[in-house]
Amino acid sequence: MEVREYIREDGSNPYQKWFNSLDAQAAAKVTVAITRLKLGNTSNVKWFDGIGEYKINWGAGYRIYLAQEGKELIILFGGGTKKKQQADIKKAKTLYQEYKARKRKLNKKNKK
């Protein structure tokens, strides 16, 4: 399975910004989780409203927010912890809507 980070229109990368803020141990746990996703293991993902929340049961209760595009692609939107879960979910949903709108716009442009 291919795993990509979502890049916003302004070039910013919400997932990378979050990942860069992690300490070394948390970053290692997240890297293992991403490797599992690449292997197609989505058993730790809870799906709702089109997005997924990958739960890492360690430390502050880290989460990775993502969407699945078809059977072979996962898009990473960001992450967070159990403490800020509701705000992080809201942000991930906003990014997912932005992603879908950009994709529709691109598809319309490519059909012309």
Protein backbone atom coordinates (compact mmCIF):
# COMPACT_ATOMS: atom_id res chain seq x y z
CA MET A 1 0.00 0.00 0.00
CA GLU A 2 1.31 3.44 -0.87
CA VAL A 3 1.27 6.04 1.92
CA ARG A 4 1.55 9.73 1.05
CA GLU A 5 1.47 12.92 3.09
CA TYR A 6 -1.11 15.55 2.13
CA ILE A 7 0.51 18.72 0.78
CA ARG A 8 -1.73 21.79 0.94
CA GLU A 9 -2.05 24.23 -1.95
CA ASP A 10 0.31 26.64 -0.19
CA GLY A 11 2.95 23.89 -0.02
CA SER A 12 2.60 23.23 3.71
CA ASN A 13 2.52 19.69 5.03
CA PRO A 14 0.36 19.29 8.18
CA TYR A 15 1.47 15.71 8.82
CA GLN A 16 5.19 16.54 8.56
CA LYS A 17 4.75 19.58 10.82
CA TRP A 18 3.16 17.37 13.48
CA PHE A 19 5.69 14.55 13.03
CA ASN A 20 8.60 16.99 13.38
CA SER A 21 7.21 18.12 16.76
CA LEU A 22 7.41 14.60 18.26
CA ASP A 23 10.17 13.41 20.56
CA ALA A 24 12.37 10.54 19.37
CA GLN A 25 10.40 7.74 21.08
CA ALA A 26 7.04 8.98 19.81
CA ALA A 27 8.46 9.45 16.30
CA ALA A 28 9.71 5.85 16.37
CA LYS A 29 6.24 4.57 17.38
CA VAL A 30 4.61 6.62 14.60
CA THR A 31 7.17 5.34 12.07
CA VAL A 32 6.30 1.75 13.02
CA ALA A 33 2.59 2.56 12.57
CA ILE A 34 3.24 4.02 9.11
CA THR A 35 5.23 0.92 8.17
CA ARG A 36 2.25 -1.21 9.20
CA LEU A 37 -0.03 0.90 7.01
CA LYS A 38 2.35 0.41 4.07
CA LEU A 39 2.05 -3.33 4.62
CA GLY A 40 -1.74 -3.00 4.41
CA ASN A 41 -2.39 -3.43 8.12
CA THR A 42 -5.26 -1.09 8.99
CA SER A 43 -6.51 -3.06 12.01
CA ASN A 44 -5.70 -0.16 14.38
CA VAL A 45 -7.71 2.31 12.28
CA LYS A 46 -11.18 3.44 13.31
CA TRP A 47 -13.08 4.84 10.30
CA PHE A 48 -15.69 7.63 10.48
CA ASP A 49 -16.90 10.41 8.16
CA GLY A 50 -14.48 9.32 5.44
CA ILE A 51 -11.35 9.60 7.57
CA GLY A 52 -9.46 7.12 9.69
CA GLU A 53 -7.90 7.47 13.10
CA TYR A 54 -4.95 5.15 13.69
CA LYS A 55 -4.57 4.67 17.44
CA ILE A 56 -1.18 4.05 18.99
CA ASN A 57 -1.66 2.71 22.50
CA TRP A 58 1.48 4.19 23.99
CA GLY A 59 2.45 7.32 25.87
CA ALA A 60 -0.02 10.17 25.40
CA GLY A 61 -2.21 8.00 23.17
CA TYR A 62 -0.97 9.15 19.79
CA ARG A 63 -3.26 9.22 16.76
CA ILE A 64 -2.61 9.50 13.04
CA TYR A 65 -5.37 10.91 10.84
CA LEU A 66 -5.69 9.61 7.29
CA ALA A 67 -7.96 8.75 4.40
CA GLN A 68 -7.90 5.79 2.07
CA GLU A 69 -8.08 6.43 -1.67
CA GLY A 70 -9.04 3.21 -3.43
CA LYS A 71 -7.32 -0.01 -2.41
CA GLU A 72 -3.71 1.07 -2.81
CA LEU A 73 -3.31 4.61 -1.42
CA ILE A 74 -3.45 6.19 2.03
CA ILE A 75 -3.19 9.96 2.52
CA LEU A 76 -1.83 11.26 5.85
CA PHE A 77 -3.38 14.48 7.18
CA GLY A 78 -1.78 14.84 10.58
CA GLY A 79 -1.73 13.50 14.08
CA GLY A 80 -2.23 14.27 17.70
CA THR A 81 -2.87 12.81 21.12
CA LYS A 82 -5.87 11.61 23.08
CA LYS A 83 -5.91 14.92 24.99
CA LYS A 84 -6.56 17.03 21.86
CA GLN A 85 -8.48 14.35 19.97
CA GLN A 86 -11.63 16.35 19.16
CA ALA A 87 -9.70 19.36 17.82
CA ASP A 88 -7.40 17.05 15.83
CA ILE A 89 -10.38 15.19 14.31
CA LYS A 90 -11.97 18.50 13.31
CA LYS A 91 -8.72 19.62 11.65
CA ALA A 92 -8.35 16.27 9.83
CA LYS A 93 -11.93 16.49 8.53
CA THR A 94 -11.26 20.01 7.24
CA LEU A 95 -8.09 18.85 5.47
CA TYR A 96 -9.94 15.88 4.00
CA GLN A 97 -12.66 18.16 2.60
CA GLU A 98 -9.95 20.43 1.17
CA TYR A 99 -8.25 17.40 -0.41
CA LYS A 100 -11.50 16.19 -2.00
CA ALA A 101 -12.32 19.67 -3.35
CA ARG A 102 -8.84 20.01 -4.89
CA LYS A 103 -9.15 16.53 -6.41
CA ARG A 104 -12.55 17.36 -7.96
CA LYS A 105 -11.15 20.61 -9.36
CA LEU A 106 -8.17 18.77 -10.84
CA ASN A 107 -10.40 16.09 -12.37
CA LYS A 108 -12.58 18.76 -14.01
CA LYS A 109 -9.50 20.49 -15.39
CA ASN A 110 -8.10 17.20 -16.77
CA LYS A 111 -11.39 16.39 -18.53
CA LYS A 112 -11.25 19.58 -20.59
